[in-house]
Amino acid sequence: TAVYYCAVRTSRYYSTESGEYDYWGQGTQVT
């Protein structure tokens, strides 16, 4: 259960760090 966010990182290099993503959606609630 959480708010799930989609994000885009404008790079070819994979990352799991949220701070390295450039754009974010508004989120969708999953309960």
Full PDB file with SEQRES, HELIX, SHEET, SSBOND, CRYST1, ORIGX, SCALE, CONECT and MASTER records, all heavy atoms in Angstrom:
SEQRES   1 A   31  THR ALA VAL TYR TYR CYS ALA VAL ARG THR SER ARG TYR          
SEQRES   2 A   31  TYR SER THR GLU SER GLY GLU TYR ASP TYR TRP GLY GLN          
SEQRES   3 A   31  GLY THR GLN VAL THR                                          
HELIX    1 AA1 SER A   18  GLU A   20  5                                   3    
SHEET    1 AA1 2 ALA A   2  TYR A   4  0                                        
SHEET    2 AA1 2 THR A  28  VAL A  30 -1                                        
SHEET    1 AA2 2 ALA A   7  VAL A   8  0                                        
SHEET    2 AA2 2 TYR A  23  TRP A  24 -1                                        
CRYST1    1.000    1.000    1.000  90.00  90.00  90.00 P 1           1          
ORIGX1      1.000000  0.000000  0.000000        0.00000                         
ORIGX2      0.000000  1.000000  0.000000        0.00000                         
ORIGX3      0.000000  0.000000  1.000000        0.00000                         
SCALE1      1.000000  0.000000  0.000000        0.00000                         
SCALE2      0.000000  1.000000  0.000000        0.00000                         
SCALE3      0.000000  0.000000  1.000000        0.00000                         
ATOM      1  N   THR A   1       0.825  -1.194   0.000  1.00  0.00           N  
ATOM      2  CA  THR A   1       0.000   0.000   0.000  1.00  0.00           C  
ATOM      3  C   THR A   1       0.868   1.256   0.000  1.00  0.00           C  
ATOM      4  O   THR A   1       1.745   1.423   0.844  1.00  0.00           O  
ATOM      5  CB  THR A   1      -0.918   0.014   1.235  1.00  0.00           C  
ATOM      6  OG1 THR A   1      -1.833  -1.085   1.140  1.00  0.00           O  
ATOM      7  CG2 THR A   1      -1.696   1.314   1.326  1.00  0.00           C  
ATOM      8  N   ALA A   2       0.631   2.120  -0.982  1.00  0.00           N  
ATOM      9  CA  ALA A   2       1.439   3.325  -1.132  1.00  0.00           C  
ATOM     10  C   ALA A   2       0.898   4.127  -2.307  1.00  0.00           C  
ATOM     11  O   ALA A   2       0.044   3.647  -3.058  1.00  0.00           O  
ATOM     12  CB  ALA A   2       2.905   2.973  -1.403  1.00  0.00           C  
ATOM     13  N   VAL A   3       1.423   5.332  -2.455  1.00  0.00           N  
ATOM     14  CA  VAL A   3       1.223   6.087  -3.684  1.00  0.00           C  
ATOM     15  C   VAL A   3       2.357   5.680  -4.625  1.00  0.00           C  
ATOM     16  O   VAL A   3       3.530   5.732  -4.254  1.00  0.00           O  
ATOM     17  CB  VAL A   3       1.246   7.599  -3.445  1.00  0.00           C  
ATOM     18  CG1 VAL A   3       1.116   8.349  -4.779  1.00  0.00           C  
ATOM     19  CG2 VAL A   3       0.118   8.006  -2.501  1.00  0.00           C  
ATOM     20  N   TYR A   4       1.974   5.275  -5.825  1.00  0.00           N  
ATOM     21  CA  TYR A   4       2.955   4.818  -6.811  1.00  0.00           C  
ATOM     22  C   TYR A   4       3.186   5.929  -7.824  1.00  0.00           C  
ATOM     23  O   TYR A   4       2.236   6.478  -8.382  1.00  0.00           O  
ATOM     24  CB  TYR A   4       2.462   3.559  -7.505  1.00  0.00           C  
ATOM     25  CG  TYR A   4       2.623   2.329  -6.642  1.00  0.00           C  
ATOM     26  CD1 TYR A   4       1.844   2.153  -5.507  1.00  0.00           C  
ATOM     27  CD2 TYR A   4       3.576   1.356  -6.948  1.00  0.00           C  
ATOM     28  CE1 TYR A   4       2.012   1.037  -4.694  1.00  0.00           C  
ATOM     29  CE2 TYR A   4       3.746   0.232  -6.152  1.00  0.00           C  
ATOM     30  CZ  TYR A   4       2.965   0.093  -5.026  1.00  0.00           C  
ATOM     31  OH  TYR A   4       3.134  -1.022  -4.221  1.00  0.00           O  
ATOM     32  N   TYR A   5       4.464   6.242  -8.050  1.00  0.00           N  
ATOM     33  CA  TYR A   5       4.854   7.317  -8.948  1.00  0.00           C  
ATOM     34  C   TYR A   5       5.634   6.762 -10.133  1.00  0.00           C  
ATOM     35  O   TYR A   5       6.514   5.907  -9.967  1.00  0.00           O  
ATOM     36  CB  TYR A   5       5.736   8.336  -8.237  1.00  0.00           C  
ATOM     37  CG  TYR A   5       5.076   9.062  -7.099  1.00  0.00           C  
ATOM     38  CD1 TYR A   5       5.155   8.578  -5.793  1.00  0.00           C  
ATOM     39  CD2 TYR A   5       4.375  10.245  -7.330  1.00  0.00           C  
ATOM     40  CE1 TYR A   5       4.553   9.246  -4.741  1.00  0.00           C  
ATOM     41  CE2 TYR A   5       3.769  10.923  -6.289  1.00  0.00           C  
ATOM     42  CZ  TYR A   5       3.861  10.419  -4.995  1.00  0.00           C  
ATOM     43  OH  TYR A   5       3.258  11.091  -3.963  1.00  0.00           O  
ATOM     44  N   CYS A   6       5.346   7.297 -11.299  1.00  0.00           N  
ATOM     45  CA  CYS A   6       6.120   7.017 -12.491  1.00  0.00           C  
ATOM     46  C   CYS A   6       7.132   8.152 -12.666  1.00  0.00           C  
ATOM     47  O   CYS A   6       6.823   9.309 -12.354  1.00  0.00           O  
ATOM     48  CB  CYS A   6       5.177   6.958 -13.691  1.00  0.00           C  
ATOM     49  SG  CYS A   6       5.987   6.773 -15.275  1.00  0.00           S  
ATOM     50  N   ALA A   7       8.323   7.815 -13.155  1.00  0.00           N  
ATOM     51  CA  ALA A   7       9.355   8.829 -13.318  1.00  0.00           C  
ATOM     52  C   ALA A   7      10.205   8.533 -14.547  1.00  0.00           C  
ATOM     53  O   ALA A   7      10.326   7.374 -14.966  1.00  0.00           O  
ATOM     54  CB  ALA A   7      10.251   8.875 -12.079  1.00  0.00           C  
ATOM     55  N   VAL A   8      10.794   9.577 -15.105  1.00  0.00           N  
ATOM     56  CA  VAL A   8      11.672   9.447 -16.272  1.00  0.00           C  
ATOM     57  C   VAL A   8      13.055   9.991 -15.939  1.00  0.00           C  
ATOM     58  O   VAL A   8      13.184  11.078 -15.368  1.00  0.00           O  
ATOM     59  CB  VAL A   8      11.097  10.201 -17.484  1.00  0.00           C  
ATOM     60  CG1 VAL A   8      12.167  10.392 -18.565  1.00  0.00           C  
ATOM     61  CG2 VAL A   8       9.929   9.437 -18.076  1.00  0.00           C  
ATOM     62  N   ARG A   9      14.065   9.228 -16.307  1.00  0.00           N  
ATOM     63  CA  ARG A   9      15.461   9.674 -16.202  1.00  0.00           C  
ATOM     64  C   ARG A   9      15.966   9.849 -17.626  1.00  0.00           C  
ATOM     65  O   ARG A   9      15.984   8.884 -18.402  1.00  0.00           O  
ATOM     66  CB  ARG A   9      16.284   8.643 -15.434  1.00  0.00           C  
ATOM     67  CG  ARG A   9      17.788   8.868 -15.442  1.00  0.00           C  
ATOM     68  CD  ARG A   9      18.467   7.946 -14.453  1.00  0.00           C  
ATOM     69  NE  ARG A   9      19.885   7.773 -14.695  1.00  0.00           N  
ATOM     70  CZ  ARG A   9      20.820   8.634 -14.363  1.00  0.00           C  
ATOM     71  NH1 ARG A   9      20.506   9.759 -13.767  1.00  0.00           N  
ATOM     72  NH2 ARG A   9      22.084   8.373 -14.612  1.00  0.00           N  
ATOM     73  N   THR A  10      16.367  11.069 -17.969  1.00  0.00           N  
ATOM     74  CA  THR A  10      16.777  11.360 -19.346  1.00  0.00           C  
ATOM     75  C   THR A  10      18.246  11.014 -19.545  1.00  0.00           C  
ATOM     76  O   THR A  10      19.083  11.885 -19.800  1.00  0.00           O  
ATOM     77  CB  THR A  10      16.503  12.823 -19.691  1.00  0.00           C  
ATOM     78  OG1 THR A  10      17.124  13.668 -18.696  1.00  0.00           O  
ATOM     79  CG2 THR A  10      15.001  13.102 -19.715  1.00  0.00           C  
ATOM     80  N   SER A  11      18.522   9.727 -19.425  1.00  0.00           N  
ATOM     81  CA  SER A  11      19.885   9.219 -19.556  1.00  0.00           C  
ATOM     82  C   SER A  11      19.795   7.764 -19.970  1.00  0.00           C  
ATOM     83  O   SER A  11      18.777   7.106 -19.734  1.00  0.00           O  
ATOM     84  CB  SER A  11      20.625   9.344 -18.222  1.00  0.00           C  
ATOM     85  OG  SER A  11      21.828   8.604 -18.223  1.00  0.00           O  
ATOM     86  N   ARG A  12      20.883   7.248 -20.547  1.00  0.00           N  
ATOM     87  CA  ARG A  12      20.889   5.836 -20.886  1.00  0.00           C  
ATOM     88  C   ARG A  12      21.354   4.988 -19.692  1.00  0.00           C  
ATOM     89  O   ARG A  12      21.339   3.772 -19.748  1.00  0.00           O  
ATOM     90  CB  ARG A  12      21.821   5.573 -22.065  1.00  0.00           C  
ATOM     91  CG  ARG A  12      23.294   5.828 -21.785  1.00  0.00           C  
ATOM     92  CD  ARG A  12      24.171   5.411 -22.965  1.00  0.00           C  
ATOM     93  NE  ARG A  12      23.921   6.191 -24.141  1.00  0.00           N  
ATOM     94  CZ  ARG A  12      23.380   5.694 -25.245  1.00  0.00           C  
ATOM     95  NH1 ARG A  12      23.028   4.418 -25.273  1.00  0.00           N  
ATOM     96  NH2 ARG A  12      23.194   6.445 -26.290  1.00  0.00           N  
ATOM     97  N   TYR A  13      21.807   5.650 -18.638  1.00  0.00           N  
ATOM     98  CA  TYR A  13      22.384   4.928 -17.502  1.00  0.00           C  
ATOM     99  C   TYR A  13      21.328   4.652 -16.444  1.00  0.00           C  
ATOM    100  O   TYR A  13      20.697   5.553 -15.907  1.00  0.00           O  
ATOM    101  CB  TYR A  13      23.561   5.707 -16.919  1.00  0.00           C  
ATOM    102  CG  TYR A  13      24.662   5.912 -17.922  1.00  0.00           C  
ATOM    103  CD1 TYR A  13      24.918   7.163 -18.465  1.00  0.00           C  
ATOM    104  CD2 TYR A  13      25.408   4.832 -18.380  1.00  0.00           C  
ATOM    105  CE1 TYR A  13      25.901   7.347 -19.412  1.00  0.00           C  
ATOM    106  CE2 TYR A  13      26.403   5.000 -19.328  1.00  0.00           C  
ATOM    107  CZ  TYR A  13      26.635   6.259 -19.847  1.00  0.00           C  
ATOM    108  OH  TYR A  13      27.601   6.438 -20.797  1.00  0.00           O  
ATOM    109  N   TYR A  14      21.188   3.391 -16.127  1.00  0.00           N  
ATOM    110  CA  TYR A  14      20.179   2.892 -15.202  1.00  0.00           C  
ATOM    111  C   TYR A  14      20.425   3.427 -13.796  1.00  0.00           C  
ATOM    112  O   TYR A  14      21.577   3.578 -13.369  1.00  0.00           O  
ATOM    113  CB  TYR A  14      20.260   1.359 -15.207  1.00  0.00           C  
ATOM    114  CG  TYR A  14      19.282   0.670 -14.321  1.00  0.00           C  
ATOM    115  CD1 TYR A  14      17.992   0.425 -14.745  1.00  0.00           C  
ATOM    116  CD2 TYR A  14      19.665   0.237 -13.055  1.00  0.00           C  
ATOM    117  CE1 TYR A  14      17.093  -0.234 -13.934  1.00  0.00           C  
ATOM    118  CE2 TYR A  14      18.776  -0.422 -12.242  1.00  0.00           C  
ATOM    119  CZ  TYR A  14      17.503  -0.658 -12.684  1.00  0.00           C  
ATOM    120  OH  TYR A  14      16.625  -1.303 -11.878  1.00  0.00           O  
ATOM    121  N   SER A  15      19.370   3.709 -13.075  1.00  0.00           N  
ATOM    122  CA  SER A  15      19.500   4.179 -11.700  1.00  0.00           C  
ATOM    123  C   SER A  15      18.293   3.767 -10.881  1.00  0.00           C  
ATOM    124  O   SER A  15      17.168   3.727 -11.394  1.00  0.00           O  
ATOM    125  CB  SER A  15      19.653   5.704 -11.659  1.00  0.00           C  
ATOM    126  OG  SER A  15      19.640   6.172 -10.322  1.00  0.00           O  
ATOM    127  N   THR A  16      18.517   3.492  -9.594  1.00  0.00           N  
ATOM    128  CA  THR A  16      17.432   3.206  -8.663  1.00  0.00           C  
ATOM    129  C   THR A  16      17.225   4.357  -7.680  1.00  0.00           C  
ATOM    130  O   THR A  16      16.426   4.240  -6.762  1.00  0.00           O  
ATOM    131  CB  THR A  16      17.733   1.926  -7.863  1.00  0.00           C  
ATOM    132  OG1 THR A  16      18.901   2.135  -7.076  1.00  0.00           O  
ATOM    133  CG2 THR A  16      17.947   0.737  -8.784  1.00  0.00           C  
ATOM    134  N   GLU A  17      17.948   5.455  -7.884  1.00  0.00           N  
ATOM    135  CA  GLU A  17      17.883   6.595  -6.975  1.00  0.00           C  
ATOM    136  C   GLU A  17      16.857   7.609  -7.461  1.00  0.00           C  
ATOM    137  O   GLU A  17      16.968   8.137  -8.575  1.00  0.00           O  
ATOM    138  CB  GLU A  17      19.257   7.262  -6.869  1.00  0.00           C  
ATOM    139  CG  GLU A  17      20.345   6.352  -6.316  1.00  0.00           C  
ATOM    140  CD  GLU A  17      20.071   5.918  -4.895  1.00  0.00           C  
ATOM    141  OE1 GLU A  17      19.505   6.722  -4.129  1.00  0.00           O  
ATOM    142  OE2 GLU A  17      20.428   4.766  -4.549  1.00  0.00           O  
ATOM    143  N   SER A  18      15.894   7.927  -6.624  1.00  0.00           N  
ATOM    144  CA  SER A  18      14.838   8.843  -7.040  1.00  0.00           C  
ATOM    145  C   SER A  18      15.388  10.217  -7.416  1.00  0.00           C  
ATOM    146  O   SER A  18      14.858  10.882  -8.309  1.00  0.00           O  
ATOM    147  CB  SER A  18      13.790   8.976  -5.941  1.00  0.00           C  
ATOM    148  OG  SER A  18      14.362   9.482  -4.753  1.00  0.00           O  
ATOM    149  N   GLY A  19      16.463  10.637  -6.753  1.00  0.00           N  
ATOM    150  CA  GLY A  19      17.035  11.945  -7.032  1.00  0.00           C  
ATOM    151  C   GLY A  19      17.644  12.070  -8.412  1.00  0.00           C  
ATOM    152  O   GLY A  19      17.945  13.179  -8.868  1.00  0.00           O  
ATOM    153  N   GLU A  20      17.823  10.944  -9.095  1.00  0.00           N  
ATOM    154  CA  GLU A  20      18.431  10.962 -10.429  1.00  0.00           C  
ATOM    155  C   GLU A  20      17.394  10.889 -11.540  1.00  0.00           C  
ATOM    156  O   GLU A  20      17.755  10.759 -12.710  1.00  0.00           O  
ATOM    157  CB  GLU A  20      19.449   9.821 -10.541  1.00  0.00           C  
ATOM    158  CG  GLU A  20      20.633  10.002  -9.587  1.00  0.00           C  
ATOM    159  CD  GLU A  20      21.693   8.936  -9.745  1.00  0.00           C  
ATOM    160  OE1 GLU A  20      21.440   7.945 -10.454  1.00  0.00           O  
ATOM    161  OE2 GLU A  20      22.775   9.098  -9.132  1.00  0.00           O  
ATOM    162  N   TYR A  21      16.135  10.989 -11.184  1.00  0.00           N  
ATOM    163  CA  TYR A  21      15.058  11.026 -12.174  1.00  0.00           C  
ATOM    164  C   TYR A  21      14.610  12.471 -12.351  1.00  0.00           C  
ATOM    165  O   TYR A  21      14.543  13.233 -11.389  1.00  0.00           O  
ATOM    166  CB  TYR A  21      13.907  10.119 -11.754  1.00  0.00           C  
ATOM    167  CG  TYR A  21      14.224   8.665 -12.009  1.00  0.00           C  
ATOM    168  CD1 TYR A  21      15.137   7.980 -11.199  1.00  0.00           C  
ATOM    169  CD2 TYR A  21      13.646   7.976 -13.074  1.00  0.00           C  
ATOM    170  CE1 TYR A  21      15.459   6.648 -11.452  1.00  0.00           C  
ATOM    171  CE2 TYR A  21      13.947   6.647 -13.328  1.00  0.00           C  
ATOM    172  CZ  TYR A  21      14.862   5.998 -12.517  1.00  0.00           C  
ATOM    173  OH  TYR A  21      15.174   4.687 -12.772  1.00  0.00           O  
ATOM    174  N   ASP A  22      14.314  12.815 -13.589  1.00  0.00           N  
ATOM    175  CA  ASP A  22      14.102  14.213 -13.956  1.00  0.00           C  
ATOM    176  C   ASP A  22      12.641  14.652 -13.979  1.00  0.00           C  
ATOM    177  O   ASP A  22      12.346  15.824 -13.746  1.00  0.00           O  
ATOM    178  CB  ASP A  22      14.712  14.471 -15.335  1.00  0.00           C  
ATOM    179  CG  ASP A  22      16.184  14.086 -15.390  1.00  0.00           C  
ATOM    180  OD1 ASP A  22      16.979  14.776 -14.728  1.00  0.00           O  
ATOM    181  OD2 ASP A  22      16.527  13.095 -16.074  1.00  0.00           O  
ATOM    182  N   TYR A  23      11.753  13.751 -14.281  1.00  0.00           N  
ATOM    183  CA  TYR A  23      10.333  14.089 -14.390  1.00  0.00           C  
ATOM    184  C   TYR A  23       9.512  13.068 -13.619  1.00  0.00           C  
ATOM    185  O   TYR A  23       9.842  11.873 -13.600  1.00  0.00           O  
ATOM    186  CB  TYR A  23       9.888  14.098 -15.857  1.00  0.00           C  
ATOM    187  CG  TYR A  23      10.635  15.102 -16.702  1.00  0.00           C  
ATOM    188  CD1 TYR A  23      11.730  14.715 -17.485  1.00  0.00           C  
ATOM    189  CD2 TYR A  23      10.262  16.448 -16.713  1.00  0.00           C  
ATOM    190  CE1 TYR A  23      12.422  15.646 -18.239  1.00  0.00           C  
ATOM    191  CE2 TYR A  23      10.955  17.374 -17.473  1.00  0.00           C  
ATOM    192  CZ  TYR A  23      12.033  16.969 -18.223  1.00  0.00           C  
ATOM    193  OH  TYR A  23      12.723  17.885 -18.975  1.00  0.00           O  
ATOM    194  N   TRP A  24       8.414  13.557 -13.046  1.00  0.00           N  
ATOM    195  CA  TRP A  24       7.570  12.723 -12.194  1.00  0.00           C  
ATOM    196  C   TRP A  24       6.105  12.921 -12.536  1.00  0.00           C  
ATOM    197  O   TRP A  24       5.673  14.032 -12.886  1.00  0.00           O  
ATOM    198  CB  TRP A  24       7.790  13.087 -10.725  1.00  0.00           C  
ATOM    199  CG  TRP A  24       9.153  12.688 -10.234  1.00  0.00           C  
ATOM    200  CD1 TRP A  24      10.311  13.379 -10.381  1.00  0.00           C  
ATOM    201  CD2 TRP A  24       9.478  11.483  -9.534  1.00  0.00           C  
ATOM    202  NE1 TRP A  24      11.357  12.681  -9.818  1.00  0.00           N  
ATOM    203  CE2 TRP A  24      10.875  11.517  -9.293  1.00  0.00           C  
ATOM    204  CE3 TRP A  24       8.750  10.383  -9.106  1.00  0.00           C  
ATOM    205  CZ2 TRP A  24      11.539  10.486  -8.628  1.00  0.00           C  
ATOM    206  CZ3 TRP A  24       9.416   9.368  -8.440  1.00  0.00           C  
ATOM    207  CH2 TRP A  24      10.800   9.423  -8.204  1.00  0.00           C  
ATOM    208  N   GLY A  25       5.338  11.820 -12.381  1.00  0.00           N  
ATOM    209  CA  GLY A  25       3.896  11.918 -12.491  1.00  0.00           C  
ATOM    210  C   GLY A  25       3.297  12.346 -11.160  1.00  0.00           C  
ATOM    211  O   GLY A  25       4.004  12.543 -10.172  1.00  0.00           O  
ATOM    212  N   GLN A  26       1.976  12.455 -11.157  1.00  0.00           N  
ATOM    213  CA  GLN A  26       1.280  12.940  -9.962  1.00  0.00           C  
ATOM    214  C   GLN A  26       1.042  11.827  -8.945  1.00  0.00           C  
ATOM    215  O   GLN A  26       0.712  12.122  -7.790  1.00  0.00           O  
ATOM    216  CB  GLN A  26      -0.065  13.573 -10.362  1.00  0.00           C  
ATOM    217  CG  GLN A  26      -1.191  12.592 -10.618  1.00  0.00           C  
ATOM    218  CD  GLN A  26      -1.074  11.830 -11.919  1.00  0.00           C  
ATOM    219  OE1 GLN A  26      -0.204  12.102 -12.748  1.00  0.00           O  
ATOM    220  NE2 GLN A  26      -1.945  10.855 -12.116  1.00  0.00           N  
ATOM    221  N   GLY A  27       1.204  10.593  -9.355  1.00  0.00           N  
ATOM    222  CA  GLY A  27       1.042   9.466  -8.450  1.00  0.00           C  
ATOM    223  C   GLY A  27      -0.348   8.861  -8.519  1.00  0.00           C  
ATOM    224  O   GLY A  27      -1.327   9.542  -8.839  1.00  0.00           O  
ATOM    225  N   THR A  28      -0.422   7.576  -8.205  1.00  0.00           N  
ATOM    226  CA  THR A  28      -1.707   6.878  -8.147  1.00  0.00           C  
ATOM    227  C   THR A  28      -1.707   6.008  -6.890  1.00  0.00           C  
ATOM    228  O   THR A  28      -0.718   5.338  -6.575  1.00  0.00           O  
ATOM    229  CB  THR A  28      -1.948   6.050  -9.424  1.00  0.00           C  
ATOM    230  OG1 THR A  28      -3.255   5.466  -9.387  1.00  0.00           O  
ATOM    231  CG2 THR A  28      -0.920   4.937  -9.598  1.00  0.00           C  
ATOM    232  N   GLN A  29      -2.819   6.028  -6.172  1.00  0.00           N  
ATOM    233  CA  GLN A  29      -2.908   5.322  -4.899  1.00  0.00           C  
ATOM    234  C   GLN A  29      -3.202   3.844  -5.125  1.00  0.00           C  
ATOM    235  O   GLN A  29      -4.117   3.483  -5.873  1.00  0.00           O  
ATOM    236  CB  GLN A  29      -4.005   5.940  -4.029  1.00  0.00           C  
ATOM    237  CG  GLN A  29      -4.243   5.221  -2.713  1.00  0.00           C  
ATOM    238  CD  GLN A  29      -3.109   5.423  -1.722  1.00  0.00           C  
ATOM    239  OE1 GLN A  29      -2.633   6.544  -1.535  1.00  0.00           O  
ATOM    240  NE2 GLN A  29      -2.671   4.342  -1.095  1.00  0.00           N  
ATOM    241  N   VAL A  30      -2.436   3.008  -4.451  1.00  0.00           N  
ATOM    242  CA  VAL A  30      -2.687   1.569  -4.413  1.00  0.00           C  
ATOM    243  C   VAL A  30      -2.906   1.191  -2.950  1.00  0.00           C  
ATOM    244  O   VAL A  30      -2.053   1.459  -2.102  1.00  0.00           O  
ATOM    245  CB  VAL A  30      -1.510   0.771  -4.994  1.00  0.00           C  
ATOM    246  CG1 VAL A  30      -1.684  -0.713  -4.744  1.00  0.00           C  
ATOM    247  CG2 VAL A  30      -1.375   1.057  -6.490  1.00  0.00           C  
ATOM    248  N   THR A  31      -4.037   0.583  -2.676  1.00  0.00           N  
ATOM    249  CA  THR A  31      -4.359   0.158  -1.328  1.00  0.00           C  
ATOM    250  C   THR A  31      -4.667  -1.331  -1.336  1.00  0.00           C  
ATOM    251  O   THR A  31      -5.528  -1.784  -2.098  1.00  0.00           O  
ATOM    252  CB  THR A  31      -5.562   0.935  -0.773  1.00  0.00           C  
ATOM    253  OG1 THR A  31      -5.287   2.339  -0.813  1.00  0.00           O  
ATOM    254  CG2 THR A  31      -5.848   0.523   0.666  1.00  0.00           C  
TER     255      THR A  31                                                      
MASTER        0    0    0    1    4    0    0    6  254    1    0    3          
END                                                                             
